[in-house]
């Protein structure tokens, strides 16, 4: 009985192809940033997966942040962003962010499923400006 030999070049080609397809799917179908439009009276729920951070992006740099329970979440300022991380696996708190003349409120909740990654926070009354092209 003749023993067949495995072509290692073919196996290597299959492994590389599967790896490339995996990375292409991950980047091509990655999560988009979520946009929330808020007012002073409206709160947004932010889902945070433990061990990961969520970036809250604001149109201007926040002036002040009030975190309901500082022992459950950490908040860091980075220019116009706030990086929020859960410090425990089951945490809930509220967060208020003050901008010049504005206040935005959030309910922070940890989740075992996929959480938010980037949340663009915009004023509910803000109008989107159409893009104009030079003719």
Protein backbone atom coordinates (compact mmCIF):
# COMPACT_ATOMS: atom_id res chain seq x y z
CA UNK A 1 0.00 0.00 0.00
CA UNK A 2 1.39 3.35 -1.05
CA UNK A 3 1.32 6.13 1.54
CA UNK A 4 0.26 9.52 0.16
CA UNK A 5 2.39 12.50 1.02
CA UNK A 6 0.78 15.77 2.11
CA UNK A 7 1.88 18.78 0.12
CA UNK A 8 2.93 21.32 2.78
CA UNK A 9 2.81 24.18 0.28
CA UNK A 10 -0.87 23.48 -0.30
CA UNK A 11 -1.59 23.31 3.46
CA UNK A 12 0.29 26.59 3.97
CA UNK A 13 -1.73 28.22 1.16
CA UNK A 14 -5.01 27.10 2.79
CA UNK A 15 -3.95 28.43 6.23
CA UNK A 16 -2.92 31.81 4.80
CA UNK A 17 -6.13 32.09 2.77
CA UNK A 18 -8.32 31.34 5.78
CA UNK A 19 -6.37 33.87 7.86
CA UNK A 20 -6.75 36.58 5.22
CA UNK A 21 -10.48 35.93 4.88
CA UNK A 22 -10.88 36.11 8.68
CA UNK A 23 -9.11 39.49 8.91
CA UNK A 24 -10.97 40.86 5.90
CA UNK A 25 -14.34 39.93 7.44
CA UNK A 26 -13.33 41.39 10.80
CA UNK A 27 -12.31 44.75 9.30
CA UNK A 28 -14.90 44.92 6.53
CA UNK A 29 -17.80 44.19 8.86
CA UNK A 30 -16.44 45.81 12.02
CA UNK A 31 -18.70 47.78 14.30
CA UNK A 32 -19.57 51.30 13.29
CA UNK A 33 -19.66 54.10 15.81
CA UNK A 34 -23.11 54.66 17.27
CA UNK A 35 -24.56 58.18 17.32
CA UNK A 36 -26.89 59.29 20.11
CA UNK A 37 -28.78 62.57 19.94
CA UNK A 38 -29.57 63.87 23.41
CA UNK A 39 -31.21 66.79 25.15
CA UNK A 40 -31.13 67.92 28.79
CA UNK A 41 -34.16 65.71 29.50
CA UNK A 42 -33.05 62.54 27.74
CA UNK A 43 -30.59 59.84 28.91
CA UNK A 44 -28.72 57.36 26.71
CA UNK A 45 -27.87 53.80 27.75
CA UNK A 46 -24.21 52.92 27.21
CA UNK A 47 -23.33 49.21 27.19
CA UNK A 48 -19.83 48.42 28.45
CA UNK A 49 -18.19 45.02 28.17
CA UNK A 50 -15.93 44.43 31.21
CA UNK A 51 -12.27 44.65 30.27
CA UNK A 52 -12.94 47.07 27.43
CA UNK A 53 -13.34 50.83 27.22
CA UNK A 54 -16.04 52.85 25.52
CA UNK A 55 -15.20 56.19 23.95
CA UNK A 56 -17.84 58.91 24.27
CA UNK A 57 -17.06 61.58 21.67
CA UNK A 58 -18.44 65.11 22.11
CA UNK A 59 -18.40 68.08 19.72
CA UNK A 60 -16.40 70.10 22.28
CA UNK A 61 -14.25 69.26 25.27
CA UNK A 62 -16.32 68.41 28.37
CA UNK A 63 -16.02 70.88 31.27
CA UNK A 64 -17.07 68.58 34.10
CA UNK A 65 -18.14 64.98 34.68
CA UNK A 66 -20.23 63.62 37.53
CA UNK A 67 -20.12 59.84 37.93
CA UNK A 68 -22.79 58.30 40.17
CA UNK A 69 -20.61 55.52 41.59
CA UNK A 70 -16.88 56.06 41.24
CA UNK A 71 -16.11 52.57 42.53
CA UNK A 72 -17.77 50.84 39.58
CA UNK A 73 -16.47 52.79 36.57
CA UNK A 74 -13.42 54.82 35.64
CA UNK A 75 -13.53 57.90 33.42
CA UNK A 76 -10.59 59.54 31.64
CA UNK A 77 -10.55 62.77 29.64
CA UNK A 78 -8.86 62.69 26.22
CA UNK A 79 -9.49 65.97 24.33
CA UNK A 80 -13.17 65.85 23.22
CA UNK A 81 -13.52 62.23 24.31
CA UNK A 82 -14.25 60.43 27.55
CA UNK A 83 -12.93 56.89 27.95
CA UNK A 84 -15.23 54.91 30.26
CA UNK A 85 -14.33 51.48 31.64
CA UNK A 86 -16.15 49.13 34.00
CA UNK A 87 -14.21 48.18 37.13
CA UNK A 88 -16.47 45.22 37.98
CA UNK A 89 -18.37 42.67 35.91
CA UNK A 90 -21.84 43.71 37.07
CA UNK A 91 -22.01 47.46 37.40
CA UNK A 92 -24.62 50.14 36.82
CA UNK A 93 -24.29 53.86 37.34
CA UNK A 94 -25.27 57.16 35.85
CA UNK A 95 -22.93 59.70 34.32
CA UNK A 96 -23.55 63.39 33.66
CA UNK A 97 -21.30 65.31 31.30
CA UNK A 98 -21.33 69.10 31.23
CA UNK A 99 -20.31 71.04 28.14
CA UNK A 100 -20.49 74.78 27.72
CA UNK A 101 -24.18 75.48 28.33
CA UNK A 102 -25.21 71.81 27.90
CA UNK A 103 -25.70 68.69 30.01
CA UNK A 104 -25.84 65.14 28.69
CA UNK A 105 -26.89 62.15 30.81
CA UNK A 106 -26.00 58.49 30.46
CA UNK A 107 -26.94 55.21 32.13
CA UNK A 108 -23.82 53.04 32.19
CA UNK A 109 -24.50 49.29 32.19
CA UNK A 110 -22.09 46.38 31.92
CA UNK A 111 -23.00 43.60 29.52
CA UNK A 112 -21.67 40.11 28.87
CA UNK A 113 -22.43 40.52 25.16
CA UNK A 114 -20.82 42.95 22.77
CA UNK A 115 -20.72 46.44 24.20
CA UNK A 116 -20.47 49.84 22.63
CA UNK A 117 -17.03 50.89 21.39
CA UNK A 118 -17.39 54.45 20.11
CA UNK A 119 -20.45 56.59 20.80
CA UNK A 120 -20.78 59.95 19.07
CA UNK A 121 -22.79 62.23 21.36
CA UNK A 122 -24.61 65.04 19.61
CA UNK A 123 -27.22 67.59 20.59
CA UNK A 124 -30.72 66.54 19.59
CA UNK A 125 -31.40 70.01 18.22
CA UNK A 126 -28.18 70.15 16.21
CA UNK A 127 -28.86 70.23 12.50
CA UNK A 128 -26.61 68.36 10.12
CA UNK A 129 -25.01 70.73 7.68
CA UNK A 130 -25.09 69.55 4.08
CA UNK A 131 -21.76 69.21 2.37
CA UNK A 132 -21.22 71.77 -0.40
CA UNK A 133 -18.90 71.13 -3.27
CA UNK A 134 -17.23 73.78 -5.39
CA UNK A 135 -18.47 73.80 -8.92
